[in-house]
């Protein structure tokens, strides 16, 4: 922090009530509450704090940017993963390379000729 750290309080706390916000649709609100449940308090308020910078303006901008990133990330719906299977050729190539490696190591072993 340095000497400046104790002389000014530039910490910014940004509060946004997700439950009562009219900027969201019902689906978006439900998704945000589900995704950010650990960050939202019982009243439905999302709290973002920034205190890294010496300037309160920079901290305010940082808090707003964090809130924006957080909300954008939470609203992204992940694509459903469809399980795939390896191709027949891919399986054959893998097994043949395993057999080749096995044979190579088998020939390196010492043989007992007694």
Protein backbone atom coordinates (compact mmCIF):
# COMPACT_ATOMS: atom_id res chain seq x y z
CA UNK A 1 0.00 0.00 0.00
CA UNK A 2 2.64 2.64 0.78
CA UNK A 3 2.17 5.83 2.79
CA UNK A 4 -0.85 7.00 0.79
CA UNK A 5 -2.92 4.01 1.84
CA UNK A 6 -3.93 5.40 5.24
CA UNK A 7 -4.63 8.98 4.12
CA UNK A 8 -7.58 8.45 1.80
CA UNK A 9 -10.51 6.08 1.55
CA UNK A 10 -11.13 5.40 -2.12
CA UNK A 11 -12.89 2.05 -1.73
CA UNK A 12 -16.05 1.72 -3.81
CA UNK A 13 -18.95 -0.60 -3.10
CA UNK A 14 -21.40 -1.18 -5.93
CA UNK A 15 -24.81 -2.64 -5.04
CA UNK A 16 -27.33 -3.98 -7.58
CA UNK A 17 -30.63 -5.54 -6.61
CA UNK A 18 -31.02 -8.44 -9.04
CA UNK A 19 -34.48 -9.47 -7.78
CA UNK A 20 -36.05 -6.04 -8.31
CA UNK A 21 -34.17 -4.97 -11.44
CA UNK A 22 -36.44 -4.18 -14.38
CA UNK A 23 -33.51 -4.47 -16.81
CA UNK A 24 -33.81 -8.27 -16.80
CA UNK A 25 -36.34 -10.71 -18.19
CA UNK A 26 -37.76 -13.37 -15.88
CA UNK A 27 -35.47 -16.01 -17.45
CA UNK A 28 -32.38 -13.82 -17.13
CA UNK A 29 -33.19 -13.02 -13.51
CA UNK A 30 -33.60 -16.70 -12.65
CA UNK A 31 -30.35 -17.56 -14.42
CA UNK A 32 -28.42 -14.78 -12.66
CA UNK A 33 -29.75 -15.76 -9.26
CA UNK A 34 -28.84 -19.40 -9.91
CA UNK A 35 -25.35 -18.66 -11.28
CA UNK A 36 -24.40 -15.98 -8.75
CA UNK A 37 -26.19 -17.41 -5.70
CA UNK A 38 -23.01 -17.29 -3.60
CA UNK A 39 -22.54 -13.58 -4.41
CA UNK A 40 -26.15 -12.46 -3.91
CA UNK A 41 -27.42 -11.84 -0.38
CA UNK A 42 -30.83 -12.76 1.05
CA UNK A 43 -32.35 -9.46 -0.11
CA UNK A 44 -31.29 -10.19 -3.71
CA UNK A 45 -28.49 -7.62 -3.76
CA UNK A 46 -25.27 -8.29 -5.68
CA UNK A 47 -22.31 -6.49 -4.06
CA UNK A 48 -19.10 -5.66 -5.93
CA UNK A 49 -16.20 -3.98 -4.11
CA UNK A 50 -13.11 -2.34 -5.61
CA UNK A 51 -10.24 -0.77 -3.67
CA UNK A 52 -7.15 -1.48 -5.77
CA UNK A 53 -6.60 2.03 -7.14
CA UNK A 54 -5.73 5.25 -5.33
CA UNK A 55 -8.44 7.11 -7.24
CA UNK A 56 -12.08 6.64 -6.32
CA UNK A 57 -13.07 7.22 -9.95
CA UNK A 58 -10.82 4.38 -11.13
CA UNK A 59 -12.22 2.14 -8.40
CA UNK A 60 -15.78 3.01 -9.48
CA UNK A 61 -14.91 2.16 -13.10
CA UNK A 62 -13.28 -1.08 -11.96
CA UNK A 63 -16.34 -2.08 -9.91
CA UNK A 64 -18.66 -1.34 -12.84
CA UNK A 65 -16.44 -3.36 -15.20
CA UNK A 66 -16.40 -6.30 -12.75
CA UNK A 67 -20.18 -6.20 -12.41
CA UNK A 68 -20.58 -6.15 -16.19
CA UNK A 69 -18.16 -9.08 -16.67
CA UNK A 70 -19.85 -11.06 -13.90
CA UNK A 71 -23.36 -10.57 -15.31
CA UNK A 72 -22.29 -11.28 -18.91
CA UNK A 73 -20.54 -14.49 -17.88
CA UNK A 74 -23.53 -15.64 -15.83
CA UNK A 75 -25.98 -15.00 -18.67
CA UNK A 76 -24.06 -17.09 -21.23
CA UNK A 77 -25.87 -20.37 -21.79
CA UNK A 78 -23.37 -23.18 -22.34
CA UNK A 79 -23.91 -25.33 -25.41
CA UNK A 80 -25.20 -28.83 -24.66
CA UNK A 81 -22.43 -31.33 -25.20
CA UNK A 82 -23.45 -34.21 -27.38
CA UNK A 83 -21.40 -37.30 -26.58
CA UNK A 84 -19.35 -38.52 -29.53
CA UNK A 85 -17.58 -41.77 -30.26
CA UNK A 86 -14.15 -42.19 -31.82
CA UNK A 87 -14.15 -43.23 -35.47
CA UNK A 88 -13.44 -46.82 -36.40
CA UNK A 89 -10.19 -45.78 -38.08
CA UNK A 90 -9.12 -43.84 -34.99
CA UNK A 91 -9.70 -46.85 -32.74
CA UNK A 92 -7.76 -49.10 -35.14
CA UNK A 93 -4.83 -46.64 -35.32
CA UNK A 94 -4.70 -46.37 -31.51
CA UNK A 95 -4.76 -50.15 -31.02
CA UNK A 96 -2.16 -50.82 -33.72
CA UNK A 97 0.21 -48.23 -32.21
CA UNK A 98 -0.30 -49.83 -28.77
CA UNK A 99 0.55 -53.24 -30.22
CA UNK A 100 3.64 -51.81 -31.90
CA UNK A 101 4.85 -50.22 -28.63
CA UNK A 102 4.15 -53.45 -26.76
CA UNK A 103 6.11 -55.49 -29.30
CA UNK A 104 9.04 -53.05 -29.15
CA UNK A 105 9.21 -53.32 -25.35
CA UNK A 106 8.78 -57.08 -25.49
CA UNK A 107 11.87 -57.40 -27.71
CA UNK A 108 13.91 -55.27 -25.27
CA UNK A 109 13.32 -57.66 -22.38
CA UNK A 110 16.06 -60.08 -21.49
CA UNK A 111 15.33 -63.65 -22.44
CA UNK A 112 16.17 -66.63 -20.28
CA UNK A 113 17.62 -69.33 -22.55
CA UNK A 114 18.23 -72.02 -19.89
